[in-house]
């Protein structure tokens, strides 16, 4: 009678190769009703490798757009590429960005699962959606239209942006008032160069509060009739002006 003893081991390893274990043979004398017989049976050890396939999380990628913050920086995690990329085994080869990355046609970022070195590559686009800042320039007060200064971008003094100093340009202004009394509104544009801009305005207030210089009138003495000549004088805005009166001059 041959007996087989099989010992099965489930080996919890991904891949193991086992060398063959030699079989050995034992012989025993069996006595049965006075008859001796020799029974030989083989004993051997069989190790069966039961492979339990460990399922690793394969990283998944989808292109994303990253927006810079108020400091001009941004950072991402593997889960920002895809929510499924969660856990300490996921890493990125690039995870931080700044203003110098704006306009790049596409930054390639590799997501790696360190458990089994699976990777995927994603294109990251960096954008700046934060508007620059600036205050409206202080009002300018003048007496006359002739005193209105030419447009000057330096009147904007506190322009700022998360990605550097923005550019200020003169846009335009409202029409001049017909007299030396009114307000001109000038518009300046503040542009950060990344598609974000704001307008600021400045008021030029024209208000002529100075009276013309009073002329000194001479006394006219005639015997029968006299003709007066309207006097002239000067004004801070109009220059030389001629007086008018409702009284007859002759």
C-alpha atoms as a PDB file:
ATOM      1  CA  UNK A   1       0.000   0.000   0.000  1.00  0.00           C
ATOM      2  CA  UNK A   2       1.350   3.368  -0.963  1.00  0.00           C
ATOM      3  CA  UNK A   3       0.545   6.344   1.168  1.00  0.00           C
ATOM      4  CA  UNK A   4       1.013   9.921   0.187  1.00  0.00           C
ATOM      5  CA  UNK A   5       1.401  12.649   2.673  1.00  0.00           C
ATOM      6  CA  UNK A   6       0.906  16.019   1.096  1.00  0.00           C
ATOM      7  CA  UNK A   7       1.548  19.157   3.019  1.00  0.00           C
ATOM      8  CA  UNK A   8       0.135  22.239   1.359  1.00  0.00           C
ATOM      9  CA  UNK A   9       1.503  25.638   2.244  1.00  0.00           C
ATOM     10  CA  UNK A  10      -0.123  28.785   0.978  1.00  0.00           C
ATOM     11  CA  UNK A  11       2.766  31.132   0.517  1.00  0.00           C
ATOM     12  CA  UNK A  12       1.695  34.777   0.658  1.00  0.00           C
ATOM     13  CA  UNK A  13       4.264  36.117  -1.757  1.00  0.00           C
ATOM     14  CA  UNK A  14       3.784  37.671  -5.158  1.00  0.00           C
ATOM     15  CA  UNK A  15       6.191  35.275  -6.945  1.00  0.00           C
ATOM     16  CA  UNK A  16       8.317  32.484  -5.442  1.00  0.00           C
ATOM     17  CA  UNK A  17      10.148  29.733  -7.295  1.00  0.00           C
ATOM     18  CA  UNK A  18      10.805  26.550  -5.308  1.00  0.00           C
ATOM     19  CA  UNK A  19      13.444  23.931  -6.094  1.00  0.00           C
ATOM     20  CA  UNK A  20      12.135  20.383  -6.310  1.00  0.00           C
ATOM     21  CA  UNK A  21      12.287  18.574  -2.986  1.00  0.00           C
ATOM     22  CA  UNK A  22      13.621  15.044  -3.483  1.00  0.00           C
ATOM     23  CA  UNK A  23      11.260  12.200  -2.699  1.00  0.00           C
ATOM     24  CA  UNK A  24      12.466   9.532  -0.313  1.00  0.00           C
ATOM     25  CA  UNK A  25      11.229   5.923   0.033  1.00  0.00           C
ATOM     26  CA  UNK A  26      10.645   3.999   3.250  1.00  0.00           C
ATOM     27  CA  UNK A  27      10.169   0.239   3.544  1.00  0.00           C
ATOM     28  CA  UNK A  28       8.315  -1.467   6.403  1.00  0.00           C
ATOM     29  CA  UNK A  29       7.663  -5.193   7.129  1.00  0.00           C
ATOM     30  CA  UNK A  30       3.999  -5.914   7.745  1.00  0.00           C
ATOM     31  CA  UNK A  31       2.895  -9.106   9.505  1.00  0.00           C
ATOM     32  CA  UNK A  32      -0.477 -10.500   8.568  1.00  0.00           C
ATOM     33  CA  UNK A  33      -1.553 -13.943   9.889  1.00  0.00           C
ATOM     34  CA  UNK A  34       1.941 -15.187   9.908  1.00  0.00           C
ATOM     35  CA  UNK A  35       2.706 -13.897   6.495  1.00  0.00           C
ATOM     36  CA  UNK A  36       5.341 -11.321   6.308  1.00  0.00           C
ATOM     37  CA  UNK A  37       5.235  -8.844   3.496  1.00  0.00           C
ATOM     38  CA  UNK A  38       7.159  -5.774   2.645  1.00  0.00           C
ATOM     39  CA  UNK A  39       5.175  -2.625   1.994  1.00  0.00           C
ATOM     40  CA  UNK A  40       6.989   0.264   0.443  1.00  0.00           C
ATOM     41  CA  UNK A  41       5.529   3.747   0.446  1.00  0.00           C
ATOM     42  CA  UNK A  42       6.956   7.020  -0.566  1.00  0.00           C
ATOM     43  CA  UNK A  43       6.836  10.111   1.507  1.00  0.00           C
ATOM     44  CA  UNK A  44       7.472  13.503   0.078  1.00  0.00           C
ATOM     45  CA  UNK A  45       6.757  17.107   0.866  1.00  0.00           C
ATOM     46  CA  UNK A  46       4.955  19.168  -1.706  1.00  0.00           C
ATOM     47  CA  UNK A  47       4.871  22.924  -1.246  1.00  0.00           C
ATOM     48  CA  UNK A  48       2.220  24.612  -3.307  1.00  0.00           C
ATOM     49  CA  UNK A  49       2.700  28.306  -3.989  1.00  0.00           C
ATOM     50  CA  UNK A  50      -0.735  29.891  -3.884  1.00  0.00           C
ATOM     51  CA  UNK A  51      -0.248  33.344  -5.336  1.00  0.00           C
ATOM     52  CA  UNK A  52      -2.427  36.011  -3.863  1.00  0.00           C
ATOM     53  CA  UNK A  53      -2.308  38.820  -6.368  1.00  0.00           C
ATOM     54  CA  UNK A  54      -1.888  42.084  -4.511  1.00  0.00           C
ATOM     55  CA  UNK A  55      -3.844  44.817  -6.285  1.00  0.00           C
ATOM     56  CA  UNK A  56      -1.914  48.042  -6.355  1.00  0.00           C
ATOM     57  CA  UNK A  57      -3.541  51.424  -6.941  1.00  0.00           C
ATOM     58  CA  UNK A  58      -2.571  52.429 -10.443  1.00  0.00           C
ATOM     59  CA  UNK A  59      -2.291  56.233 -10.694  1.00  0.00           C
ATOM     60  CA  UNK A  60      -4.758  57.902 -13.007  1.00  0.00           C
ATOM     61  CA  UNK A  61      -4.192  61.216 -14.763  1.00  0.00           C
ATOM     62  CA  UNK A  62      -6.303  63.967 -16.234  1.00  0.00           C
ATOM     63  CA  UNK A  63      -5.062  67.342 -17.434  1.00  0.00           C
ATOM     64  CA  UNK A  64      -5.680  70.158 -14.962  1.00  0.00           C
ATOM     65  CA  UNK A  65      -5.430  73.936 -14.729  1.00  0.00           C
ATOM     66  CA  UNK A  66      -3.738  75.487 -11.701  1.00  0.00           C
ATOM     67  CA  UNK A  67      -4.520  79.031 -10.548  1.00  0.00           C
ATOM     68  CA  UNK A  68      -1.885  81.089  -8.772  1.00  0.00           C
ATOM     69  CA  UNK A  69      -2.739  82.634  -5.428  1.00  0.00           C
ATOM     70  CA  UNK A  70      -2.271  86.206  -4.189  1.00  0.00           C
ATOM     71  CA  UNK A  71       1.435  85.540  -3.660  1.00  0.00           C
ATOM     72  CA  UNK A  72       1.940  84.271  -7.211  1.00  0.00           C
ATOM     73  CA  UNK A  73       2.351  80.635  -6.177  1.00  0.00           C
ATOM     74  CA  UNK A  74       0.409  77.387  -6.351  1.00  0.00           C
ATOM     75  CA  UNK A  75       0.969  73.801  -5.287  1.00  0.00           C
ATOM     76  CA  UNK A  76      -0.779  70.536  -6.062  1.00  0.00           C
ATOM     77  CA  UNK A  77      -1.082  67.069  -4.587  1.00  0.00           C
ATOM     78  CA  UNK A  78      -1.585  63.750  -6.429  1.00  0.00           C
ATOM     79  CA  UNK A  79      -5.271  63.862  -5.494  1.00  0.00           C
ATOM     80  CA  UNK A  80      -5.596  67.147  -7.410  1.00  0.00           C
ATOM     81  CA  UNK A  81      -4.658  65.239 -10.556  1.00  0.00           C
ATOM     82  CA  UNK A  82      -7.352  62.705  -9.765  1.00  0.00           C
ATOM     83  CA  UNK A  83      -9.189  62.049  -6.471  1.00  0.00           C
ATOM     84  CA  UNK A  84      -8.281  58.380  -6.822  1.00  0.00           C
ATOM     85  CA  UNK A  85      -4.593  59.205  -6.333  1.00  0.00           C
ATOM     86  CA  UNK A  86      -4.901  59.287  -2.567  1.00  0.00           C
ATOM     87  CA  UNK A  87      -2.380  57.889  -0.127  1.00  0.00           C
ATOM     88  CA  UNK A  88       1.254  58.235   0.881  1.00  0.00           C
ATOM     89  CA  UNK A  89       2.420  55.989  -1.955  1.00  0.00           C
ATOM     90  CA  UNK A  90       1.510  58.553  -4.634  1.00  0.00           C
ATOM     91  CA  UNK A  91       4.126  61.168  -5.492  1.00  0.00           C
ATOM     92  CA  UNK A  92       4.616  63.959  -8.040  1.00  0.00           C
ATOM     93  CA  UNK A  93       7.847  64.971  -9.724  1.00  0.00           C
ATOM     94  CA  UNK A  94       6.620  68.615  -9.895  1.00  0.00           C
ATOM     95  CA  UNK A  95       4.211  69.950  -7.305  1.00  0.00           C
ATOM     96  CA  UNK A  96       4.793  73.726  -7.112  1.00  0.00           C
ATOM     97  CA  UNK A  97       4.359  76.527  -9.633  1.00  0.00           C
ATOM     98  CA  UNK A  98       4.850  80.289  -9.823  1.00  0.00           C
ATOM     99  CA  UNK A  99       4.431  83.243 -12.182  1.00  0.00           C
ATOM    100  CA  UNK A 100       7.295  82.084 -14.393  1.00  0.00           C
ATOM    101  CA  UNK A 101       5.168  79.080 -15.411  1.00  0.00           C
ATOM    102  CA  UNK A 102       2.383  81.225 -16.898  1.00  0.00           C
ATOM    103  CA  UNK A 103       2.149  80.866 -20.658  1.00  0.00           C
ATOM    104  CA  UNK A 104       3.969  77.546 -20.768  1.00  0.00           C
ATOM    105  CA  UNK A 105       2.143  75.470 -23.394  1.00  0.00           C
ATOM    106  CA  UNK A 106       1.995  72.607 -20.947  1.00  0.00           C
ATOM    107  CA  UNK A 107       3.997  71.451 -17.957  1.00  0.00           C
ATOM    108  CA  UNK A 108       4.339  67.673 -17.831  1.00  0.00           C
ATOM    109  CA  UNK A 109       3.903  66.236 -14.358  1.00  0.00           C
ATOM    110  CA  UNK A 110       4.437  62.554 -13.620  1.00  0.00           C
ATOM    111  CA  UNK A 111       2.362  60.783 -10.986  1.00  0.00           C
ATOM    112  CA  UNK A 112       4.094  57.729  -9.510  1.00  0.00           C
ATOM    113  CA  UNK A 113       2.731  54.932  -7.355  1.00  0.00           C
ATOM    114  CA  UNK A 114       5.804  54.086  -5.301  1.00  0.00           C
ATOM    115  CA  UNK A 115       4.409  50.665  -4.354  1.00  0.00           C
ATOM    116  CA  UNK A 116       5.010  49.248  -7.810  1.00  0.00           C
ATOM    117  CA  UNK A 117       6.418  52.159  -9.852  1.00  0.00           C
ATOM    118  CA  UNK A 118       3.313  52.604 -11.997  1.00  0.00           C
ATOM    119  CA  UNK A 119       3.207  56.092 -13.492  1.00  0.00           C
ATOM    120  CA  UNK A 120       1.042  58.378 -15.566  1.00  0.00           C
ATOM    121  CA  UNK A 121       1.772  61.802 -17.014  1.00  0.00           C
ATOM    122  CA  UNK A 122      -0.491  64.846 -16.916  1.00  0.00           C
ATOM    123  CA  UNK A 123      -0.318  68.292 -18.532  1.00  0.00           C
ATOM    124  CA  UNK A 124      -0.654  71.159 -16.059  1.00  0.00           C
ATOM    125  CA  UNK A 125      -1.616  74.632 -17.290  1.00  0.00           C
ATOM    126  CA  UNK A 126      -0.792  77.521 -14.954  1.00  0.00           C
ATOM    127  CA  UNK A 127      -3.032  80.596 -14.962  1.00  0.00           C
ATOM    128  CA  UNK A 128      -3.161  83.901 -13.108  1.00  0.00           C
ATOM    129  CA  UNK A 129      -6.748  85.034 -12.568  1.00  0.00           C
ATOM    130  CA  UNK A 130      -6.054  87.624  -9.877  1.00  0.00           C
ATOM    131  CA  UNK A 131      -6.598  91.233 -10.903  1.00  0.00           C
ATOM    132  CA  UNK A 132      -3.981  93.887 -10.217  1.00  0.00           C
ATOM    133  CA  UNK A 133      -4.744  96.584  -7.693  1.00  0.00           C
ATOM    134  CA  UNK A 134      -4.441 100.371  -7.775  1.00  0.00           C
ATOM    135  CA  UNK A 135      -6.104 103.369  -6.209  1.00  0.00           C
ATOM    136  CA  UNK A 136      -7.793 106.184  -8.063  1.00  0.00           C
ATOM    137  CA  UNK A 137      -5.285 109.032  -8.420  1.00  0.00           C
ATOM    138  CA  UNK A 138      -5.874 112.122  -6.315  1.00  0.00           C
ATOM    139  CA  UNK A 139      -8.014 114.873  -7.811  1.00  0.00           C
ATOM    140  CA  UNK A 140      -6.301 117.813  -9.500  1.00  0.00           C
ATOM    141  CA  UNK A 141      -7.810 121.243  -8.920  1.00  0.00           C
ATOM    142  CA  UNK A 142      -7.084 124.061 -11.331  1.00  0.00           C
ATOM    143  CA  UNK A 143      -8.473 127.527 -12.024  1.00  0.00           C
ATOM    144  CA  UNK A 144      -8.508 127.416 -15.811  1.00  0.00           C
ATOM    145  CA  UNK A 145      -8.758 125.019 -18.708  1.00  0.00           C
ATOM    146  CA  UNK A 146      -5.305 126.126 -19.740  1.00  0.00           C
ATOM    147  CA  UNK A 147      -3.992 124.860 -16.411  1.00  0.00           C
ATOM    148  CA  UNK A 148      -5.143 121.272 -17.019  1.00  0.00           C
ATOM    149  CA  UNK A 149      -1.997 119.127 -17.190  1.00  0.00           C
ATOM    150  CA  UNK A 150      -1.347 116.569 -19.891  1.00  0.00           C
ATOM    151  CA  UNK A 151      -2.185 112.927 -19.116  1.00  0.00           C
ATOM    152  CA  UNK A 152       0.510 111.349 -16.955  1.00  0.00           C
ATOM    153  CA  UNK A 153       0.596 107.668 -16.004  1.00  0.00           C
ATOM    154  CA  UNK A 154       2.811 108.459 -13.011  1.00  0.00           C
ATOM    155  CA  UNK A 155      -0.268 109.802 -11.195  1.00  0.00           C
ATOM    156  CA  UNK A 156      -1.043 106.126 -10.490  1.00  0.00           C
ATOM    157  CA  UNK A 157       1.400 105.482  -7.678  1.00  0.00           C
ATOM    158  CA  UNK A 158       0.393 102.256  -5.953  1.00  0.00           C
ATOM    159  CA  UNK A 159      -0.214  99.755  -8.729  1.00  0.00           C
ATOM    160  CA  UNK A 160       0.561  96.177  -7.655  1.00  0.00           C
ATOM    161  CA  UNK A 161       0.027  92.595  -8.748  1.00  0.00           C
ATOM    162  CA  UNK A 162       0.759  89.082  -7.519  1.00  0.00           C
ATOM    163  CA  UNK A 163       3.054  88.540 -10.514  1.00  0.00           C
ATOM    164  CA  UNK A 164       5.069  91.744 -10.501  1.00  0.00           C
ATOM    165  CA  UNK A 165       4.483  95.396 -11.322  1.00  0.00           C
ATOM    166  CA  UNK A 166       1.608  95.971 -13.777  1.00  0.00           C
ATOM    167  CA  UNK A 167       1.672  98.419 -16.669  1.00  0.00           C
ATOM    168  CA  UNK A 168      -0.293 101.686 -16.496  1.00  0.00           C
ATOM    169  CA  UNK A 169      -1.603 103.316 -19.684  1.00  0.00           C
ATOM    170  CA  UNK A 170      -3.789 106.331 -20.379  1.00  0.00           C
ATOM    171  CA  UNK A 171      -7.146 105.336 -21.867  1.00  0.00           C
ATOM    172  CA  UNK A 172      -8.979 108.611 -22.427  1.00  0.00           C
ATOM    173  CA  UNK A 173     -10.949 111.442 -20.835  1.00  0.00           C
ATOM    174  CA  UNK A 174     -14.290 113.179 -20.979  1.00  0.00           C
ATOM    175  CA  UNK A 175     -14.763 116.327 -23.040  1.00  0.00           C
ATOM    176  CA  UNK A 176     -13.451 119.646 -21.784  1.00  0.00           C
ATOM    177  CA  UNK A 177     -16.111 121.881 -20.267  1.00  0.00           C
ATOM    178  CA  UNK A 178     -17.196 124.845 -22.347  1.00  0.00           C
ATOM    179  CA  UNK A 179     -16.096 127.303 -19.675  1.00  0.00           C
ATOM    180  CA  UNK A 180     -13.555 127.367 -16.887  1.00  0.00           C
ATOM    181  CA  UNK A 181     -15.965 125.561 -14.645  1.00  0.00           C
ATOM    182  CA  UNK A 182     -16.427 121.800 -14.703  1.00  0.00           C
ATOM    183  CA  UNK A 183     -14.736 118.436 -14.286  1.00  0.00           C
ATOM    184  CA  UNK A 184     -12.691 116.320 -16.669  1.00  0.00           C
ATOM    185  CA  UNK A 185     -12.580 112.604 -15.841  1.00  0.00           C
ATOM    186  CA  UNK A 186      -9.491 110.741 -16.988  1.00  0.00           C
ATOM    187  CA  UNK A 187      -9.240 106.961 -17.160  1.00  0.00           C
ATOM    188  CA  UNK A 188      -6.048 104.947 -16.733  1.00  0.00           C
ATOM    189  CA  UNK A 189      -5.744 101.205 -17.266  1.00  0.00           C
ATOM    190  CA  UNK A 190      -3.672  98.928 -15.021  1.00  0.00           C
ATOM    191  CA  UNK A 191      -2.754  95.645 -16.780  1.00  0.00           C
ATOM    192  CA  UNK A 192      -0.783  92.731 -15.322  1.00  0.00           C
ATOM    193  CA  UNK A 193       0.080  91.240 -18.721  1.00  0.00           C
ATOM    194  CA  UNK A 194      -1.727  87.982 -17.932  1.00  0.00           C
ATOM    195  CA  UNK A 195      -5.167  88.991 -19.142  1.00  0.00           C
ATOM    196  CA  UNK A 196      -6.216  90.803 -15.968  1.00  0.00           C
ATOM    197  CA  UNK A 197      -6.710  94.550 -15.827  1.00  0.00           C
ATOM    198  CA  UNK A 198      -8.621  97.267 -14.011  1.00  0.00           C
ATOM    199  CA  UNK A 199      -9.410 100.915 -14.724  1.00  0.00           C
ATOM    200  CA  UNK A 200      -8.858 103.790 -12.337  1.00  0.00           C
ATOM    201  CA  UNK A 201     -10.110 107.356 -12.787  1.00  0.00           C
ATOM    202  CA  UNK A 202      -8.888 110.798 -11.880  1.00  0.00           C
ATOM    203  CA  UNK A 203     -10.934 113.989 -11.632  1.00  0.00           C
ATOM    204  CA  UNK A 204      -9.516 117.276 -12.895  1.00  0.00           C
ATOM    205  CA  UNK A 205     -11.717 119.916 -11.320  1.00  0.00           C
ATOM    206  CA  UNK A 206     -11.741 123.304 -13.091  1.00  0.00           C
ATOM    207  CA  UNK A 207     -13.067 126.106 -10.954  1.00  0.00           C
ATOM    208  CA  UNK A 208     -12.154 129.708 -11.712  1.00  0.00           C
ATOM    209  CA  UNK A 209     -12.546 131.521  -8.415  1.00  0.00           C
ATOM    210  CA  UNK A 210     -10.393 134.571  -9.187  1.00  0.00           C
ATOM    211  CA  UNK A 211     -12.022 137.816 -10.250  1.00  0.00           C
ATOM    212  CA  UNK A 212     -10.563 139.889 -13.073  1.00  0.00           C
ATOM    213  CA  UNK A 213      -8.289 142.713 -12.055  1.00  0.00           C
ATOM    214  CA  UNK A 214     -10.396 145.807 -11.407  1.00  0.00           C
ATOM    215  CA  UNK A 215      -9.443 148.561 -13.874  1.00  0.00           C
ATOM    216  CA  UNK A 216      -8.777 152.101 -12.796  1.00  0.00           C
ATOM    217  CA  UNK A 217     -11.319 154.338 -14.506  1.00  0.00           C
ATOM    218  CA  UNK A 218     -10.438 157.920 -15.305  1.00  0.00           C
ATOM    219  CA  UNK A 219     -12.839 160.824 -15.032  1.00  0.00           C
ATOM    220  CA  UNK A 220     -14.075 162.223 -18.314  1.00  0.00           C
ATOM    221  CA  UNK A 221     -14.983 165.954 -18.343  1.00  0.00           C
ATOM    222  CA  UNK A 222     -16.647 167.513 -21.345  1.00  0.00           C
ATOM    223  CA  UNK A 223     -18.685 170.720 -21.882  1.00  0.00           C
ATOM    224  CA  UNK A 224     -21.628 169.383 -23.769  1.00  0.00           C
ATOM    225  CA  UNK A 225     -21.291 165.720 -24.547  1.00  0.00           C
ATOM    226  CA  UNK A 226     -18.856 162.964 -23.755  1.00  0.00           C
ATOM    227  CA  UNK A 227     -18.120 159.496 -25.063  1.00  0.00           C
ATOM    228  CA  UNK A 228     -16.671 156.919 -22.739  1.00  0.00           C
ATOM    229  CA  UNK A 229     -14.467 154.058 -23.862  1.00  0.00           C
ATOM    230  CA  UNK A 230     -15.002 150.663 -22.271  1.00  0.00           C
ATOM    231  CA  UNK A 231     -11.985 149.838 -20.133  1.00  0.00           C
ATOM    232  CA  UNK A 232      -9.890 146.728 -20.488  1.00  0.00           C
ATOM    233  CA  UNK A 233      -8.319 144.600 -17.800  1.00  0.00           C
ATOM    234  CA  UNK A 234      -6.740 141.210 -17.285  1.00  0.00           C
ATOM    235  CA  UNK A 235      -8.125 137.895 -16.059  1.00  0.00           C
ATOM    236  CA  UNK A 236      -6.258 134.830 -14.827  1.00  0.00           C
ATOM    237  CA  UNK A 237      -8.006 132.598 -17.351  1.00  0.00           C
ATOM    238  CA  UNK A 238      -9.276 134.835 -20.134  1.00  0.00           C
ATOM    239  CA  UNK A 239      -6.282 137.120 -20.363  1.00  0.00           C
ATOM    240  CA  UNK A 240      -7.200 140.633 -21.581  1.00  0.00           C
ATOM    241  CA  UNK A 241     -10.898 141.342 -21.384  1.00  0.00           C
ATOM    242  CA  UNK A 242     -12.990 144.397 -22.213  1.00  0.00           C
ATOM    243  CA  UNK A 243     -15.545 145.643 -19.773  1.00  0.00           C
ATOM    244  CA  UNK A 244     -19.186 145.818 -20.691  1.00  0.00           C
ATOM    245  CA  UNK A 245     -21.962 147.987 -19.320  1.00  0.00           C
ATOM    246  CA  UNK A 246     -25.643 148.534 -19.733  1.00  0.00           C
ATOM    247  CA  UNK A 247     -25.228 152.281 -19.388  1.00  0.00           C
ATOM    248  CA  UNK A 248     -24.894 154.397 -22.499  1.00  0.00           C
ATOM    249  CA  UNK A 249     -21.350 155.449 -23.342  1.00  0.00           C
ATOM    250  CA  UNK A 250     -22.404 158.749 -24.877  1.00  0.00           C
END
